[in-house]
Amino acid sequence: MSATEPLALGLVTILVMAATNYLMRAGGFWLMAHVPLTVRVRRMLAALPGSIVAATVLPIVAKSGPAAFVALAATAAVMVVARNEFLAVVAGVLAAALMRSAGI
């Protein structure tokens, strides 16, 4: 095995991953071009971002324990009251930091 073989293999791996990523994204656009946008489909697409966030955040909160739950609750509360994403993130980070500093 020469010194350039791992470099070449890494480059090929990156190119294959980039091509796969592009094809998956382009395939989604191509597929949706063939789906009629009924009221039901529009509702599903409107709910999709929230579903993705929930599917990403909730397992992390479940694994991280009470500090993460309190941080999520603080974030949600500030978002409902202030409707400001920046303030909500700050509240969540502060809540998590306070919980962690308290040993929870």
C-alpha atoms as a PDB file:
ATOM      1  CA  MET A   1       0.000   0.000   0.000  1.00  0.00           C
ATOM      2  CA  SER A   2       1.538   3.267  -1.084  1.00  0.00           C
ATOM      3  CA  ALA A   3       1.279   6.553   0.791  1.00  0.00           C
ATOM      4  CA  THR A   4      -1.199   7.992  -1.729  1.00  0.00           C
ATOM      5  CA  GLU A   5      -3.719   5.134  -1.594  1.00  0.00           C
ATOM      6  CA  PRO A   6      -5.444   6.245   1.646  1.00  0.00           C
ATOM      7  CA  LEU A   7      -5.664   9.784   0.275  1.00  0.00           C
ATOM      8  CA  ALA A   8      -7.196   8.544  -2.987  1.00  0.00           C
ATOM      9  CA  LEU A   9      -9.640   6.310  -1.109  1.00  0.00           C
ATOM     10  CA  GLY A  10     -10.662   9.228   1.105  1.00  0.00           C
ATOM     11  CA  LEU A  11     -11.208  11.450  -1.935  1.00  0.00           C
ATOM     12  CA  VAL A  12     -13.312   8.797  -3.660  1.00  0.00           C
ATOM     13  CA  THR A  13     -15.334   8.323  -0.471  1.00  0.00           C
ATOM     14  CA  ILE A  14     -16.011  12.068  -0.205  1.00  0.00           C
ATOM     15  CA  LEU A  15     -17.021  12.272  -3.882  1.00  0.00           C
ATOM     16  CA  VAL A  16     -19.380   9.292  -3.551  1.00  0.00           C
ATOM     17  CA  MET A  17     -20.954  10.815  -0.432  1.00  0.00           C
ATOM     18  CA  ALA A  18     -21.362  14.182  -2.170  1.00  0.00           C
ATOM     19  CA  ALA A  19     -22.966  12.550  -5.207  1.00  0.00           C
ATOM     20  CA  THR A  20     -25.307  10.520  -3.006  1.00  0.00           C
ATOM     21  CA  ASN A  21     -26.288  13.622  -1.048  1.00  0.00           C
ATOM     22  CA  TYR A  22     -27.004  15.537  -4.246  1.00  0.00           C
ATOM     23  CA  LEU A  23     -29.038  12.675  -5.736  1.00  0.00           C
ATOM     24  CA  MET A  24     -31.122  12.322  -2.559  1.00  0.00           C
ATOM     25  CA  ARG A  25     -31.928  16.040  -2.518  1.00  0.00           C
ATOM     26  CA  ALA A  26     -32.587  16.265  -6.256  1.00  0.00           C
ATOM     27  CA  GLY A  27     -34.649  13.078  -6.068  1.00  0.00           C
ATOM     28  CA  GLY A  28     -36.887  14.650  -3.442  1.00  0.00           C
ATOM     29  CA  PHE A  29     -37.531  17.670  -5.642  1.00  0.00           C
ATOM     30  CA  TRP A  30     -38.149  15.413  -8.645  1.00  0.00           C
ATOM     31  CA  LEU A  31     -40.539  13.218  -6.666  1.00  0.00           C
ATOM     32  CA  MET A  32     -42.512  16.158  -5.267  1.00  0.00           C
ATOM     33  CA  ALA A  33     -42.880  17.562  -8.787  1.00  0.00           C
ATOM     34  CA  HIS A  34     -45.038  14.494  -9.501  1.00  0.00           C
ATOM     35  CA  VAL A  35     -47.206  14.716  -6.360  1.00  0.00           C
ATOM     36  CA  PRO A  36     -50.421  16.715  -6.673  1.00  0.00           C
ATOM     37  CA  LEU A  37     -50.528  19.404  -3.969  1.00  0.00           C
ATOM     38  CA  THR A  38     -53.902  18.667  -2.444  1.00  0.00           C
ATOM     39  CA  VAL A  39     -55.067  20.271   0.801  1.00  0.00           C
ATOM     40  CA  ARG A  40     -54.047  17.138   2.693  1.00  0.00           C
ATOM     41  CA  VAL A  41     -50.527  17.150   1.222  1.00  0.00           C
ATOM     42  CA  ARG A  42     -50.138  20.869   1.972  1.00  0.00           C
ATOM     43  CA  ARG A  43     -51.109  20.261   5.624  1.00  0.00           C
ATOM     44  CA  MET A  44     -48.618  17.403   5.855  1.00  0.00           C
ATOM     45  CA  LEU A  45     -45.841  19.565   4.412  1.00  0.00           C
ATOM     46  CA  ALA A  46     -46.729  22.404   6.795  1.00  0.00           C
ATOM     47  CA  ALA A  47     -46.445  20.036   9.794  1.00  0.00           C
ATOM     48  CA  LEU A  48     -43.182  18.478   8.646  1.00  0.00           C
ATOM     49  CA  PRO A  49     -40.693  20.990  10.159  1.00  0.00           C
ATOM     50  CA  GLY A  50     -42.223  20.640  13.629  1.00  0.00           C
ATOM     51  CA  SER A  51     -42.167  16.869  13.325  1.00  0.00           C
ATOM     52  CA  ILE A  52     -38.487  16.902  12.380  1.00  0.00           C
ATOM     53  CA  VAL A  53     -37.625  19.150  15.318  1.00  0.00           C
ATOM     54  CA  ALA A  54     -39.573  16.926  17.713  1.00  0.00           C
ATOM     55  CA  ALA A  55     -37.941  13.779  16.342  1.00  0.00           C
ATOM     56  CA  THR A  56     -34.514  15.363  16.783  1.00  0.00           C
ATOM     57  CA  VAL A  57     -34.937  17.080  20.150  1.00  0.00           C
ATOM     58  CA  LEU A  58     -37.063  14.670  22.186  1.00  0.00           C
ATOM     59  CA  PRO A  59     -34.612  11.716  22.183  1.00  0.00           C
ATOM     60  CA  ILE A  60     -31.834  14.081  23.296  1.00  0.00           C
ATOM     61  CA  VAL A  61     -34.031  15.413  26.111  1.00  0.00           C
ATOM     62  CA  ALA A  62     -34.973  11.876  27.142  1.00  0.00           C
ATOM     63  CA  LYS A  63     -31.296  10.868  27.364  1.00  0.00           C
ATOM     64  CA  SER A  64     -30.083  14.060  29.034  1.00  0.00           C
ATOM     65  CA  GLY A  65     -32.454  14.038  31.983  1.00  0.00           C
ATOM     66  CA  PRO A  66     -34.117  16.785  34.012  1.00  0.00           C
ATOM     67  CA  ALA A  67     -31.730  19.605  33.039  1.00  0.00           C
ATOM     68  CA  ALA A  68     -32.552  19.187  29.367  1.00  0.00           C
ATOM     69  CA  PHE A  69     -36.273  18.953  30.125  1.00  0.00           C
ATOM     70  CA  VAL A  70     -36.183  22.205  32.106  1.00  0.00           C
ATOM     71  CA  ALA A  71     -34.165  23.875  29.336  1.00  0.00           C
ATOM     72  CA  LEU A  72     -36.690  22.720  26.731  1.00  0.00           C
ATOM     73  CA  ALA A  73     -39.587  23.925  28.866  1.00  0.00           C
ATOM     74  CA  ALA A  74     -37.923  27.324  29.366  1.00  0.00           C
ATOM     75  CA  THR A  75     -37.282  27.606  25.636  1.00  0.00           C
ATOM     76  CA  ALA A  76     -40.872  26.733  24.795  1.00  0.00           C
ATOM     77  CA  ALA A  77     -42.284  29.114  27.397  1.00  0.00           C
ATOM     78  CA  VAL A  78     -40.207  32.066  26.187  1.00  0.00           C
ATOM     79  CA  MET A  79     -41.101  31.250  22.587  1.00  0.00           C
ATOM     80  CA  VAL A  80     -44.821  31.223  23.392  1.00  0.00           C
ATOM     81  CA  VAL A  81     -44.665  34.459  25.380  1.00  0.00           C
ATOM     82  CA  ALA A  82     -42.054  36.532  23.523  1.00  0.00           C
ATOM     83  CA  ARG A  83     -42.144  34.929  20.041  1.00  0.00           C
ATOM     84  CA  ASN A  84     -38.417  35.604  19.757  1.00  0.00           C
ATOM     85  CA  GLU A  85     -36.129  32.726  18.758  1.00  0.00           C
ATOM     86  CA  PHE A  86     -32.988  34.384  20.108  1.00  0.00           C
ATOM     87  CA  LEU A  87     -34.494  35.009  23.544  1.00  0.00           C
ATOM     88  CA  ALA A  88     -35.875  31.468  23.598  1.00  0.00           C
ATOM     89  CA  VAL A  89     -32.444  29.985  22.899  1.00  0.00           C
ATOM     90  CA  VAL A  90     -30.835  32.213  25.537  1.00  0.00           C
ATOM     91  CA  ALA A  91     -33.462  31.125  28.073  1.00  0.00           C
ATOM     92  CA  GLY A  92     -32.897  27.471  27.271  1.00  0.00           C
ATOM     93  CA  VAL A  93     -29.122  27.738  27.547  1.00  0.00           C
ATOM     94  CA  LEU A  94     -29.373  29.673  30.816  1.00  0.00           C
ATOM     95  CA  ALA A  95     -31.822  27.156  32.239  1.00  0.00           C
ATOM     96  CA  ALA A  96     -29.558  24.253  31.294  1.00  0.00           C
ATOM     97  CA  ALA A  97     -26.489  26.025  32.707  1.00  0.00           C
ATOM     98  CA  LEU A  98     -28.258  26.787  35.984  1.00  0.00           C
ATOM     99  CA  MET A  99     -29.506  23.213  36.296  1.00  0.00           C
ATOM    100  CA  ARG A 100     -26.043  21.805  35.558  1.00  0.00           C
ATOM    101  CA  SER A 101     -24.361  24.206  37.989  1.00  0.00           C
ATOM    102  CA  ALA A 102     -26.850  23.082  40.646  1.00  0.00           C
ATOM    103  CA  GLY A 103     -25.715  19.518  40.008  1.00  0.00           C
ATOM    104  CA  ILE A 104     -28.898  18.345  38.337  1.00  0.00           C
END
